[in-house]
């Protein structure tokens, strides 16, 4: 009887955090190839586009993958449109009528630009993934909420600023973010460049919860208590590379931390792909200069990464966790005597 109870508990635990690893038995090469072959297809005839993307695929997850990859590879993120919308929403934040009028006007403008220019912002990405999925008889919802990046000032998060998707596959809901998966701004020109990040495809809800805060709590898809908005605002800064390197994150839970000199600080997470201890480093910046260190207290066991480090000097530090050349997360530490 005890053994049966253990098996049930284990089975429930395994089902937690629905994510892409549920489909390790699926090879997405065919779906990705079809999406690439349809690169020159436009949005004039969306049913025809969906047929071309999905008709030769046998499972819903592959059909959704082809749709998702097509959107991420063909729709450009319109940063100027996003900035305009944020400025207007800030301007009308205390005028309900004008804000509603602007939202309606912007919705029409954004939809037109998506169809004609294949450029949009997060709401357009989420809408398009949802609409194309619906045409393929795949249940997919738009999730609205708050998002944090290294470029967003949390003090300005008075209104929802991001949209992503939840998709139902094999009876379970999964999260994905086509906007952040599609590309990145060029560091020099700040213009959008396509650069697909697979980490946002059916990602772990626990990772999404670090920098995605849905308005509707059902879209947390978490088995444990979801974070409060305060928890969300206090969390470390994550980057795109976080999602391609990690499958789970534990510590530290806050971006801003205060510790004692020589006190051990612990960084803990689960890797999504193999790495060596020599790949793990911390970049420390005290305002006068920066240095890279490879902590001796680094261990990797079954993809579970633990990094231990103690500050030898007092002061204020910006600390960045890196895996190879990939920037994963950022924190600040005030080190006291």
C-alpha atoms as a PDB file:
ATOM      1  CA  UNK A   1       0.000   0.000   0.000  1.00  0.00           C
ATOM      2  CA  UNK A   2       2.812   2.395   0.897  1.00  0.00           C
ATOM      3  CA  UNK A   3       4.529   1.621  -2.376  1.00  0.00           C
ATOM      4  CA  UNK A   4       1.338   2.400  -4.340  1.00  0.00           C
ATOM      5  CA  UNK A   5       0.974   5.710  -2.480  1.00  0.00           C
ATOM      6  CA  UNK A   6       4.583   6.586  -3.317  1.00  0.00           C
ATOM      7  CA  UNK A   7       3.973   5.828  -6.993  1.00  0.00           C
ATOM      8  CA  UNK A   8       0.910   8.099  -7.050  1.00  0.00           C
ATOM      9  CA  UNK A   9       2.777  10.949  -5.328  1.00  0.00           C
ATOM     10  CA  UNK A  10       5.696  10.536  -7.709  1.00  0.00           C
ATOM     11  CA  UNK A  11       3.389  10.564 -10.722  1.00  0.00           C
ATOM     12  CA  UNK A  12       1.791  13.806  -9.549  1.00  0.00           C
ATOM     13  CA  UNK A  13       5.220  15.354  -8.993  1.00  0.00           C
ATOM     14  CA  UNK A  14       6.341  14.397 -12.470  1.00  0.00           C
ATOM     15  CA  UNK A  15       3.279  16.143 -13.950  1.00  0.00           C
ATOM     16  CA  UNK A  16       4.161  19.431 -12.246  1.00  0.00           C
ATOM     17  CA  UNK A  17       5.351  22.280 -14.419  1.00  0.00           C
ATOM     18  CA  UNK A  18       4.155  21.136 -17.859  1.00  0.00           C
ATOM     19  CA  UNK A  19       6.983  21.982 -20.241  1.00  0.00           C
ATOM     20  CA  UNK A  20       8.704  21.007 -23.458  1.00  0.00           C
ATOM     21  CA  UNK A  21      10.433  18.014 -21.834  1.00  0.00           C
ATOM     22  CA  UNK A  22       7.013  16.311 -21.950  1.00  0.00           C
ATOM     23  CA  UNK A  23       7.698  15.969 -25.684  1.00  0.00           C
ATOM     24  CA  UNK A  24      11.266  14.691 -25.615  1.00  0.00           C
ATOM     25  CA  UNK A  25      10.074  11.831 -27.823  1.00  0.00           C
ATOM     26  CA  UNK A  26       9.090  14.296 -30.577  1.00  0.00           C
ATOM     27  CA  UNK A  27      11.577  15.453 -33.211  1.00  0.00           C
ATOM     28  CA  UNK A  28      10.602  18.976 -34.264  1.00  0.00           C
ATOM     29  CA  UNK A  29      12.933  19.041 -37.273  1.00  0.00           C
ATOM     30  CA  UNK A  30      10.112  18.440 -39.788  1.00  0.00           C
ATOM     31  CA  UNK A  31       7.892  21.140 -38.275  1.00  0.00           C
ATOM     32  CA  UNK A  32      10.779  23.623 -38.216  1.00  0.00           C
ATOM     33  CA  UNK A  33      11.680  22.810 -41.828  1.00  0.00           C
ATOM     34  CA  UNK A  34       8.093  23.410 -42.969  1.00  0.00           C
ATOM     35  CA  UNK A  35       8.011  26.758 -41.132  1.00  0.00           C
ATOM     36  CA  UNK A  36      11.251  27.774 -42.852  1.00  0.00           C
ATOM     37  CA  UNK A  37       9.941  26.661 -46.265  1.00  0.00           C
ATOM     38  CA  UNK A  38       6.901  28.930 -45.802  1.00  0.00           C
ATOM     39  CA  UNK A  39       9.042  31.959 -45.070  1.00  0.00           C
ATOM     40  CA  UNK A  40       7.705  34.013 -47.993  1.00  0.00           C
ATOM     41  CA  UNK A  41       4.049  33.358 -47.164  1.00  0.00           C
ATOM     42  CA  UNK A  42       2.138  36.418 -46.007  1.00  0.00           C
ATOM     43  CA  UNK A  43      -0.936  36.919 -43.837  1.00  0.00           C
ATOM     44  CA  UNK A  44      -3.410  37.708 -46.624  1.00  0.00           C
ATOM     45  CA  UNK A  45      -4.852  34.180 -46.497  1.00  0.00           C
ATOM     46  CA  UNK A  46      -4.320  32.786 -43.005  1.00  0.00           C
ATOM     47  CA  UNK A  47      -6.322  29.549 -43.505  1.00  0.00           C
ATOM     48  CA  UNK A  48      -4.116  28.739 -46.483  1.00  0.00           C
ATOM     49  CA  UNK A  49      -0.991  29.541 -44.469  1.00  0.00           C
ATOM     50  CA  UNK A  50      -2.120  27.232 -41.658  1.00  0.00           C
ATOM     51  CA  UNK A  51      -2.845  24.454 -44.136  1.00  0.00           C
ATOM     52  CA  UNK A  52       0.653  24.724 -45.592  1.00  0.00           C
ATOM     53  CA  UNK A  53       2.197  24.747 -42.124  1.00  0.00           C
ATOM     54  CA  UNK A  54       0.255  21.857 -40.595  1.00  0.00           C
ATOM     55  CA  UNK A  55      -1.259  19.504 -43.186  1.00  0.00           C
ATOM     56  CA  UNK A  56       1.799  17.209 -43.332  1.00  0.00           C
ATOM     57  CA  UNK A  57       2.271  16.922 -39.564  1.00  0.00           C
ATOM     58  CA  UNK A  58       0.693  14.178 -37.473  1.00  0.00           C
ATOM     59  CA  UNK A  59       0.510  15.580 -33.915  1.00  0.00           C
ATOM     60  CA  UNK A  60      -0.903  18.772 -32.415  1.00  0.00           C
ATOM     61  CA  UNK A  61       2.393  19.635 -30.760  1.00  0.00           C
ATOM     62  CA  UNK A  62       4.178  19.474 -34.137  1.00  0.00           C
ATOM     63  CA  UNK A  63       1.433  21.511 -35.793  1.00  0.00           C
ATOM     64  CA  UNK A  64       1.651  24.121 -33.054  1.00  0.00           C
ATOM     65  CA  UNK A  65       5.436  24.107 -33.327  1.00  0.00           C
ATOM     66  CA  UNK A  66       5.261  24.902 -37.068  1.00  0.00           C
ATOM     67  CA  UNK A  67       2.835  27.771 -36.430  1.00  0.00           C
ATOM     68  CA  UNK A  68       4.906  29.134 -33.551  1.00  0.00           C
ATOM     69  CA  UNK A  69       8.189  28.919 -35.474  1.00  0.00           C
ATOM     70  CA  UNK A  70       6.649  30.629 -38.491  1.00  0.00           C
ATOM     71  CA  UNK A  71       5.418  33.545 -36.367  1.00  0.00           C
ATOM     72  CA  UNK A  72       8.764  33.863 -34.571  1.00  0.00           C
ATOM     73  CA  UNK A  73      10.669  33.779 -37.854  1.00  0.00           C
ATOM     74  CA  UNK A  74       8.509  36.136 -39.916  1.00  0.00           C
ATOM     75  CA  UNK A  75       6.992  38.770 -37.624  1.00  0.00           C
ATOM     76  CA  UNK A  76       9.315  41.579 -36.535  1.00  0.00           C
ATOM     77  CA  UNK A  77       9.081  43.251 -33.142  1.00  0.00           C
ATOM     78  CA  UNK A  78       8.166  46.906 -33.627  1.00  0.00           C
ATOM     79  CA  UNK A  79       9.985  48.729 -30.827  1.00  0.00           C
ATOM     80  CA  UNK A  80       8.857  52.198 -31.949  1.00  0.00           C
ATOM     81  CA  UNK A  81       5.231  51.075 -31.858  1.00  0.00           C
ATOM     82  CA  UNK A  82       5.706  49.676 -28.361  1.00  0.00           C
ATOM     83  CA  UNK A  83       7.321  52.918 -27.133  1.00  0.00           C
ATOM     84  CA  UNK A  84       4.488  54.979 -28.624  1.00  0.00           C
ATOM     85  CA  UNK A  85       1.891  52.846 -26.886  1.00  0.00           C
ATOM     86  CA  UNK A  86       3.649  53.064 -23.525  1.00  0.00           C
ATOM     87  CA  UNK A  87       3.952  56.861 -23.792  1.00  0.00           C
ATOM     88  CA  UNK A  88       0.275  57.263 -24.613  1.00  0.00           C
ATOM     89  CA  UNK A  89      -0.834  54.904 -21.851  1.00  0.00           C
ATOM     90  CA  UNK A  90       1.295  56.810 -19.360  1.00  0.00           C
ATOM     91  CA  UNK A  91      -0.151  60.108 -20.592  1.00  0.00           C
ATOM     92  CA  UNK A  92      -3.757  58.910 -20.223  1.00  0.00           C
ATOM     93  CA  UNK A  93      -3.332  56.734 -17.144  1.00  0.00           C
ATOM     94  CA  UNK A  94      -5.590  58.986 -15.058  1.00  0.00           C
ATOM     95  CA  UNK A  95      -8.171  59.608 -17.802  1.00  0.00           C
ATOM     96  CA  UNK A  96     -10.262  56.468 -18.314  1.00  0.00           C
ATOM     97  CA  UNK A  97     -12.128  57.762 -21.382  1.00  0.00           C
ATOM     98  CA  UNK A  98      -9.037  58.912 -23.252  1.00  0.00           C
ATOM     99  CA  UNK A  99      -7.170  55.733 -22.312  1.00  0.00           C
ATOM    100  CA  UNK A 100      -9.997  53.576 -23.642  1.00  0.00           C
ATOM    101  CA  UNK A 101     -10.138  55.625 -26.877  1.00  0.00           C
ATOM    102  CA  UNK A 102      -6.396  55.276 -27.321  1.00  0.00           C
ATOM    103  CA  UNK A 103      -6.453  51.524 -26.689  1.00  0.00           C
ATOM    104  CA  UNK A 104      -9.113  51.083 -29.379  1.00  0.00           C
ATOM    105  CA  UNK A 105      -7.256  53.297 -31.848  1.00  0.00           C
ATOM    106  CA  UNK A 106      -3.959  51.545 -31.169  1.00  0.00           C
ATOM    107  CA  UNK A 107      -5.554  48.098 -31.485  1.00  0.00           C
ATOM    108  CA  UNK A 108      -6.718  48.936 -35.029  1.00  0.00           C
ATOM    109  CA  UNK A 109      -3.392  50.527 -35.937  1.00  0.00           C
ATOM    110  CA  UNK A 110      -1.457  47.558 -34.597  1.00  0.00           C
ATOM    111  CA  UNK A 111      -3.618  45.023 -36.449  1.00  0.00           C
ATOM    112  CA  UNK A 112      -3.236  46.907 -39.735  1.00  0.00           C
ATOM    113  CA  UNK A 113       0.536  47.134 -39.334  1.00  0.00           C
ATOM    114  CA  UNK A 114       0.712  43.417 -38.532  1.00  0.00           C
ATOM    115  CA  UNK A 115      -1.161  42.444 -41.711  1.00  0.00           C
ATOM    116  CA  UNK A 116       0.562  44.913 -44.040  1.00  0.00           C
ATOM    117  CA  UNK A 117       4.098  45.134 -42.668  1.00  0.00           C
ATOM    118  CA  UNK A 118       4.365  41.917 -40.610  1.00  0.00           C
ATOM    119  CA  UNK A 119       5.572  44.073 -37.748  1.00  0.00           C
ATOM    120  CA  UNK A 120       3.891  44.179 -34.361  1.00  0.00           C
ATOM    121  CA  UNK A 121       4.282  44.238 -30.583  1.00  0.00           C
ATOM    122  CA  UNK A 122       3.569  41.529 -28.004  1.00  0.00           C
ATOM    123  CA  UNK A 123      -0.224  41.722 -28.350  1.00  0.00           C
ATOM    124  CA  UNK A 124       0.099  41.141 -32.088  1.00  0.00           C
ATOM    125  CA  UNK A 125       2.397  38.151 -31.615  1.00  0.00           C
ATOM    126  CA  UNK A 126       0.057  36.585 -29.059  1.00  0.00           C
ATOM    127  CA  UNK A 127      -3.017  37.296 -31.197  1.00  0.00           C
ATOM    128  CA  UNK A 128      -1.440  35.772 -34.304  1.00  0.00           C
ATOM    129  CA  UNK A 129      -0.274  32.594 -32.554  1.00  0.00           C
ATOM    130  CA  UNK A 130      -3.747  32.216 -31.046  1.00  0.00           C
ATOM    131  CA  UNK A 131      -5.574  32.869 -34.328  1.00  0.00           C
ATOM    132  CA  UNK A 132      -3.433  30.529 -36.436  1.00  0.00           C
ATOM    133  CA  UNK A 133      -3.685  27.830 -33.776  1.00  0.00           C
ATOM    134  CA  UNK A 134      -7.474  28.164 -33.751  1.00  0.00           C
ATOM    135  CA  UNK A 135      -7.517  27.638 -37.518  1.00  0.00           C
ATOM    136  CA  UNK A 136      -5.573  24.417 -36.879  1.00  0.00           C
ATOM    137  CA  UNK A 137      -8.141  23.342 -34.235  1.00  0.00           C
ATOM    138  CA  UNK A 138      -5.618  23.823 -31.436  1.00  0.00           C
ATOM    139  CA  UNK A 139      -6.855  25.533 -28.279  1.00  0.00           C
ATOM    140  CA  UNK A 140      -4.649  28.541 -27.604  1.00  0.00           C
ATOM    141  CA  UNK A 141      -5.268  31.563 -25.378  1.00  0.00           C
ATOM    142  CA  UNK A 142      -3.795  35.045 -25.120  1.00  0.00           C
ATOM    143  CA  UNK A 143      -2.362  35.750 -21.663  1.00  0.00           C
ATOM    144  CA  UNK A 144      -2.110  39.398 -20.615  1.00  0.00           C
ATOM    145  CA  UNK A 145      -0.032  40.628 -17.727  1.00  0.00           C
ATOM    146  CA  UNK A 146       3.158  42.265 -16.539  1.00  0.00           C
ATOM    147  CA  UNK A 147       6.684  41.483 -17.697  1.00  0.00           C
ATOM    148  CA  UNK A 148      10.131  42.452 -16.453  1.00  0.00           C
ATOM    149  CA  UNK A 149      13.351  42.734 -18.416  1.00  0.00           C
ATOM    150  CA  UNK A 150      16.674  44.425 -17.723  1.00  0.00           C
ATOM    151  CA  UNK A 151      15.411  47.431 -19.724  1.00  0.00           C
ATOM    152  CA  UNK A 152      12.143  47.915 -17.815  1.00  0.00           C
ATOM    153  CA  UNK A 153      11.940  50.159 -14.763  1.00  0.00           C
ATOM    154  CA  UNK A 154       9.717  48.301 -12.315  1.00  0.00           C
ATOM    155  CA  UNK A 155       8.563  51.632 -10.884  1.00  0.00           C
ATOM    156  CA  UNK A 156       6.660  52.248 -14.143  1.00  0.00           C
ATOM    157  CA  UNK A 157       4.731  48.962 -14.041  1.00  0.00           C
ATOM    158  CA  UNK A 158       1.363  50.512 -13.167  1.00  0.00           C
ATOM    159  CA  UNK A 159      -0.471  48.781 -16.008  1.00  0.00           C
ATOM    160  CA  UNK A 160      -0.049  45.456 -17.868  1.00  0.00           C
ATOM    161  CA  UNK A 161       2.727  45.724 -20.432  1.00  0.00           C
ATOM    162  CA  UNK A 162       3.014  42.299 -22.068  1.00  0.00           C
ATOM    163  CA  UNK A 163       1.108  39.437 -23.684  1.00  0.00           C
ATOM    164  CA  UNK A 164       2.047  35.807 -24.293  1.00  0.00           C
ATOM    165  CA  UNK A 165       0.241  32.502 -24.943  1.00  0.00           C
ATOM    166  CA  UNK A 166      -1.060  29.383 -23.253  1.00  0.00           C
ATOM    167  CA  UNK A 167      -1.681  26.386 -25.517  1.00  0.00           C
ATOM    168  CA  UNK A 168      -3.497  23.148 -24.732  1.00  0.00           C
ATOM    169  CA  UNK A 169      -1.711  20.010 -25.952  1.00  0.00           C
ATOM    170  CA  UNK A 170      -2.650  16.454 -25.024  1.00  0.00           C
ATOM    171  CA  UNK A 171      -5.020  17.788 -22.381  1.00  0.00           C
ATOM    172  CA  UNK A 172      -2.429  19.976 -20.601  1.00  0.00           C
ATOM    173  CA  UNK A 173      -1.746  23.693 -20.768  1.00  0.00           C
ATOM    174  CA  UNK A 174       1.698  25.020 -21.701  1.00  0.00           C
ATOM    175  CA  UNK A 175       3.221  28.509 -21.820  1.00  0.00           C
ATOM    176  CA  UNK A 176       5.154  30.189 -24.602  1.00  0.00           C
ATOM    177  CA  UNK A 177       6.276  33.712 -25.400  1.00  0.00           C
ATOM    178  CA  UNK A 178       6.583  34.315 -29.171  1.00  0.00           C
ATOM    179  CA  UNK A 179       7.595  37.953 -28.734  1.00  0.00           C
ATOM    180  CA  UNK A 180      10.685  37.261 -26.670  1.00  0.00           C
ATOM    181  CA  UNK A 181      11.466  34.140 -28.715  1.00  0.00           C
ATOM    182  CA  UNK A 182      11.524  35.945 -32.047  1.00  0.00           C
ATOM    183  CA  UNK A 183      14.619  38.097 -31.721  1.00  0.00           C
ATOM    184  CA  UNK A 184      16.594  40.779 -29.934  1.00  0.00           C
ATOM    185  CA  UNK A 185      17.464  44.461 -30.403  1.00  0.00           C
ATOM    186  CA  UNK A 186      20.794  45.150 -32.044  1.00  0.00           C
ATOM    187  CA  UNK A 187      23.095  46.511 -29.326  1.00  0.00           C
ATOM    188  CA  UNK A 188      24.372  49.283 -31.618  1.00  0.00           C
ATOM    189  CA  UNK A 189      21.302  50.360 -33.590  1.00  0.00           C
ATOM    190  CA  UNK A 190      18.551  49.118 -31.239  1.00  0.00           C
ATOM    191  CA  UNK A 191      16.800  47.763 -34.329  1.00  0.00           C
ATOM    192  CA  UNK A 192      15.108  44.384 -34.181  1.00  0.00           C
ATOM    193  CA  UNK A 193      17.038  41.351 -35.402  1.00  0.00           C
ATOM    194  CA  UNK A 194      15.542  37.875 -35.806  1.00  0.00           C
ATOM    195  CA  UNK A 195      17.231  35.481 -33.379  1.00  0.00           C
ATOM    196  CA  UNK A 196      15.078  32.540 -32.352  1.00  0.00           C
ATOM    197  CA  UNK A 197      15.240  31.508 -28.686  1.00  0.00           C
ATOM    198  CA  UNK A 198      13.808  28.019 -28.186  1.00  0.00           C
ATOM    199  CA  UNK A 199      13.716  28.464 -24.416  1.00  0.00           C
ATOM    200  CA  UNK A 200      10.377  30.300 -24.632  1.00  0.00           C
ATOM    201  CA  UNK A 201       8.650  27.363 -26.369  1.00  0.00           C
ATOM    202  CA  UNK A 202       6.549  25.410 -23.842  1.00  0.00           C
ATOM    203  CA  UNK A 203       8.722  26.797 -21.052  1.00  0.00           C
ATOM    204  CA  UNK A 204       8.666  25.816 -17.418  1.00  0.00           C
ATOM    205  CA  UNK A 205       5.924  27.850 -15.645  1.00  0.00           C
ATOM    206  CA  UNK A 206       8.248  28.293 -12.668  1.00  0.00           C
ATOM    207  CA  UNK A 207      10.753  30.123 -14.893  1.00  0.00           C
ATOM    208  CA  UNK A 208       8.007  32.154 -16.554  1.00  0.00           C
ATOM    209  CA  UNK A 209       6.832  33.232 -13.096  1.00  0.00           C
ATOM    210  CA  UNK A 210      10.130  35.049 -12.483  1.00  0.00           C
ATOM    211  CA  UNK A 211       9.410  37.717 -15.098  1.00  0.00           C
ATOM    212  CA  UNK A 212       5.834  37.052 -16.305  1.00  0.00           C
ATOM    213  CA  UNK A 213       2.918  38.019 -14.045  1.00  0.00           C
ATOM    214  CA  UNK A 214      -0.472  37.084 -15.581  1.00  0.00           C
ATOM    215  CA  UNK A 215      -3.558  39.124 -14.691  1.00  0.00           C
ATOM    216  CA  UNK A 216      -5.678  35.970 -14.635  1.00  0.00           C
ATOM    217  CA  UNK A 217      -4.164  33.732 -11.961  1.00  0.00           C
ATOM    218  CA  UNK A 218      -5.200  30.532 -13.743  1.00  0.00           C
ATOM    219  CA  UNK A 219      -2.390  31.119 -16.236  1.00  0.00           C
ATOM    220  CA  UNK A 220       0.355  30.716 -13.655  1.00  0.00           C
ATOM    221  CA  UNK A 221       0.076  26.944 -14.285  1.00  0.00           C
ATOM    222  CA  UNK A 222       1.898  26.439 -10.986  1.00  0.00           C
ATOM    223  CA  UNK A 223       1.190  23.693  -8.479  1.00  0.00           C
ATOM    224  CA  UNK A 224       2.553  25.761  -5.614  1.00  0.00           C
ATOM    225  CA  UNK A 225       1.360  29.159  -4.383  1.00  0.00           C
ATOM    226  CA  UNK A 226       2.059  31.760  -7.097  1.00  0.00           C
ATOM    227  CA  UNK A 227       4.231  34.754  -6.244  1.00  0.00           C
ATOM    228  CA  UNK A 228       2.716  38.003  -5.079  1.00  0.00           C
ATOM    229  CA  UNK A 229       3.161  41.114  -7.188  1.00  0.00           C
ATOM    230  CA  UNK A 230       5.739  42.262  -4.645  1.00  0.00           C
ATOM    231  CA  UNK A 231       7.634  38.972  -5.104  1.00  0.00           C
ATOM    232  CA  UNK A 232       7.506  39.552  -8.854  1.00  0.00           C
ATOM    233  CA  UNK A 233       8.918  43.065  -8.586  1.00  0.00           C
ATOM    234  CA  UNK A 234      11.691  41.922  -6.208  1.00  0.00           C
ATOM    235  CA  UNK A 235      12.841  38.971  -8.328  1.00  0.00           C
ATOM    236  CA  UNK A 236      16.257  38.806 -10.026  1.00  0.00           C
ATOM    237  CA  UNK A 237      16.652  40.072 -13.566  1.00  0.00           C
ATOM    238  CA  UNK A 238      16.456  37.249 -16.105  1.00  0.00           C
ATOM    239  CA  UNK A 239      17.610  37.363 -19.722  1.00  0.00           C
ATOM    240  CA  UNK A 240      16.731  35.517 -22.910  1.00  0.00           C
ATOM    241  CA  UNK A 241      19.651  33.165 -22.364  1.00  0.00           C
ATOM    242  CA  UNK A 242      18.150  32.176 -19.010  1.00  0.00           C
ATOM    243  CA  UNK A 243      15.459  30.230 -20.806  1.00  0.00           C
ATOM    244  CA  UNK A 244      17.879  28.418 -23.096  1.00  0.00           C
ATOM    245  CA  UNK A 245      20.159  27.410 -20.201  1.00  0.00           C
ATOM    246  CA  UNK A 246      17.835  26.720 -17.251  1.00  0.00           C
ATOM    247  CA  UNK A 247      14.798  24.538 -16.675  1.00  0.00           C
ATOM    248  CA  UNK A 248      14.228  25.607 -13.053  1.00  0.00           C
ATOM    249  CA  UNK A 249      15.412  28.354 -10.699  1.00  0.00           C
ATOM    250  CA  UNK A 250      15.644  28.459  -6.879  1.00  0.00           C
ATOM    251  CA  UNK A 251      18.032  31.006  -5.324  1.00  0.00           C
ATOM    252  CA  UNK A 252      18.547  33.895  -4.676  1.00  0.00           C
ATOM    253  CA  UNK A 253      14.894  34.885  -4.817  1.00  0.00           C
ATOM    254  CA  UNK A 254      15.504  38.643  -4.799  1.00  0.00           C
ATOM    255  CA  UNK A 255      17.426  40.984  -7.014  1.00  0.00           C
ATOM    256  CA  UNK A 256      18.519  43.293  -4.160  1.00  0.00           C
ATOM    257  CA  UNK A 257      20.257  41.533  -1.270  1.00  0.00           C
ATOM    258  CA  UNK A 258      22.099  42.484   1.913  1.00  0.00           C
ATOM    259  CA  UNK A 259      24.686  40.086   3.360  1.00  0.00           C
ATOM    260  CA  UNK A 260      27.541  40.098   5.855  1.00  0.00           C
ATOM    261  CA  UNK A 261      31.174  40.060   4.876  1.00  0.00           C
ATOM    262  CA  UNK A 262      32.350  36.407   4.485  1.00  0.00           C
ATOM    263  CA  UNK A 263      28.739  35.184   4.568  1.00  0.00           C
ATOM    264  CA  UNK A 264      28.144  32.431   1.998  1.00  0.00           C
ATOM    265  CA  UNK A 265      25.719  33.342  -0.775  1.00  0.00           C
ATOM    266  CA  UNK A 266      24.104  30.426  -2.619  1.00  0.00           C
ATOM    267  CA  UNK A 267      22.930  30.417  -6.229  1.00  0.00           C
ATOM    268  CA  UNK A 268      20.787  27.386  -7.159  1.00  0.00           C
ATOM    269  CA  UNK A 269      19.091  26.340 -10.393  1.00  0.00           C
ATOM    270  CA  UNK A 270      18.489  23.396 -12.724  1.00  0.00           C
ATOM    271  CA  UNK A 271      20.299  23.291 -16.054  1.00  0.00           C
ATOM    272  CA  UNK A 272      18.408  22.402 -19.222  1.00  0.00           C
ATOM    273  CA  UNK A 273      21.552  21.159 -20.970  1.00  0.00           C
ATOM    274  CA  UNK A 274      24.939  19.816 -19.878  1.00  0.00           C
ATOM    275  CA  UNK A 275      27.572  22.223 -18.570  1.00  0.00           C
ATOM    276  CA  UNK A 276      30.944  21.963 -16.853  1.00  0.00           C
ATOM    277  CA  UNK A 277      32.000  23.661 -13.637  1.00  0.00           C
ATOM    278  CA  UNK A 278      34.518  25.644 -15.660  1.00  0.00           C
ATOM    279  CA  UNK A 279      31.616  27.164 -17.625  1.00  0.00           C
ATOM    280  CA  UNK A 280      30.144  28.803 -14.519  1.00  0.00           C
ATOM    281  CA  UNK A 281      31.314  32.262 -13.497  1.00  0.00           C
ATOM    282  CA  UNK A 282      30.258  35.355 -11.591  1.00  0.00           C
ATOM    283  CA  UNK A 283      30.931  38.849 -12.898  1.00  0.00           C
ATOM    284  CA  UNK A 284      31.321  41.299 -10.001  1.00  0.00           C
ATOM    285  CA  UNK A 285      31.237  45.072 -10.431  1.00  0.00           C
ATOM    286  CA  UNK A 286      31.790  47.369  -7.425  1.00  0.00           C
ATOM    287  CA  UNK A 287      31.437  50.630  -9.337  1.00  0.00           C
ATOM    288  CA  UNK A 288      35.188  51.126  -9.693  1.00  0.00           C
ATOM    289  CA  UNK A 289      35.844  48.088 -11.849  1.00  0.00           C
ATOM    290  CA  UNK A 290      34.690  44.577 -12.611  1.00  0.00           C
ATOM    291  CA  UNK A 291      36.212  41.127 -12.399  1.00  0.00           C
ATOM    292  CA  UNK A 292      35.214  37.620 -13.371  1.00  0.00           C
ATOM    293  CA  UNK A 293      35.568  34.866 -10.809  1.00  0.00           C
ATOM    294  CA  UNK A 294      35.110  31.103 -11.001  1.00  0.00           C
ATOM    295  CA  UNK A 295      33.900  30.158  -7.503  1.00  0.00           C
ATOM    296  CA  UNK A 296      35.445  27.076  -5.965  1.00  0.00           C
ATOM    297  CA  UNK A 297      32.120  26.307  -4.361  1.00  0.00           C
ATOM    298  CA  UNK A 298      30.522  25.312  -7.668  1.00  0.00           C
ATOM    299  CA  UNK A 299      28.933  21.893  -8.107  1.00  0.00           C
ATOM    300  CA  UNK A 300      26.821  20.260 -10.814  1.00  0.00           C
ATOM    301  CA  UNK A 301      24.943  17.070  -9.933  1.00  0.00           C
ATOM    302  CA  UNK A 302      22.398  15.642 -12.355  1.00  0.00           C
ATOM    303  CA  UNK A 303      22.044  19.101 -13.952  1.00  0.00           C
ATOM    304  CA  UNK A 304      21.437  20.673 -10.536  1.00  0.00           C
ATOM    305  CA  UNK A 305      23.758  23.683 -10.305  1.00  0.00           C
ATOM    306  CA  UNK A 306      24.873  25.152  -6.978  1.00  0.00           C
ATOM    307  CA  UNK A 307      27.277  28.072  -6.706  1.00  0.00           C
ATOM    308  CA  UNK A 308      28.588  29.235  -3.330  1.00  0.00           C
ATOM    309  CA  UNK A 309      30.442  32.493  -2.904  1.00  0.00           C
ATOM    310  CA  UNK A 310      31.458  34.706   0.042  1.00  0.00           C
ATOM    311  CA  UNK A 311      32.355  38.370  -0.393  1.00  0.00           C
ATOM    312  CA  UNK A 312      35.735  39.136   1.167  1.00  0.00           C
ATOM    313  CA  UNK A 313      35.238  42.904   1.210  1.00  0.00           C
ATOM    314  CA  UNK A 314      32.426  45.234   2.169  1.00  0.00           C
ATOM    315  CA  UNK A 315      30.761  47.437  -0.418  1.00  0.00           C
ATOM    316  CA  UNK A 316      28.009  47.448  -3.013  1.00  0.00           C
ATOM    317  CA  UNK A 317      28.223  44.990  -5.916  1.00  0.00           C
ATOM    318  CA  UNK A 318      26.382  44.278  -9.129  1.00  0.00           C
ATOM    319  CA  UNK A 319      26.613  40.502  -9.593  1.00  0.00           C
ATOM    320  CA  UNK A 320      25.902  38.600 -12.812  1.00  0.00           C
ATOM    321  CA  UNK A 321      25.692  34.820 -13.180  1.00  0.00           C
ATOM    322  CA  UNK A 322      27.065  33.490 -16.456  1.00  0.00           C
ATOM    323  CA  UNK A 323      27.093  30.061 -18.080  1.00  0.00           C
ATOM    324  CA  UNK A 324      29.828  30.192 -20.668  1.00  0.00           C
ATOM    325  CA  UNK A 325      29.329  33.513 -22.440  1.00  0.00           C
ATOM    326  CA  UNK A 326      25.589  33.564 -21.691  1.00  0.00           C
ATOM    327  CA  UNK A 327      24.323  36.108 -19.171  1.00  0.00           C
ATOM    328  CA  UNK A 328      21.713  34.294 -17.079  1.00  0.00           C
ATOM    329  CA  UNK A 329      20.716  36.507 -14.138  1.00  0.00           C
ATOM    330  CA  UNK A 330      21.644  39.695 -12.283  1.00  0.00           C
ATOM    331  CA  UNK A 331      21.548  40.849  -8.654  1.00  0.00           C
ATOM    332  CA  UNK A 332      22.868  43.535  -6.340  1.00  0.00           C
ATOM    333  CA  UNK A 333      24.559  42.805  -3.031  1.00  0.00           C
ATOM    334  CA  UNK A 334      25.221  45.225  -0.223  1.00  0.00           C
ATOM    335  CA  UNK A 335      28.024  43.636   1.824  1.00  0.00           C
ATOM    336  CA  UNK A 336      28.211  44.822   5.436  1.00  0.00           C
ATOM    337  CA  UNK A 337      30.790  44.272   8.188  1.00  0.00           C
END
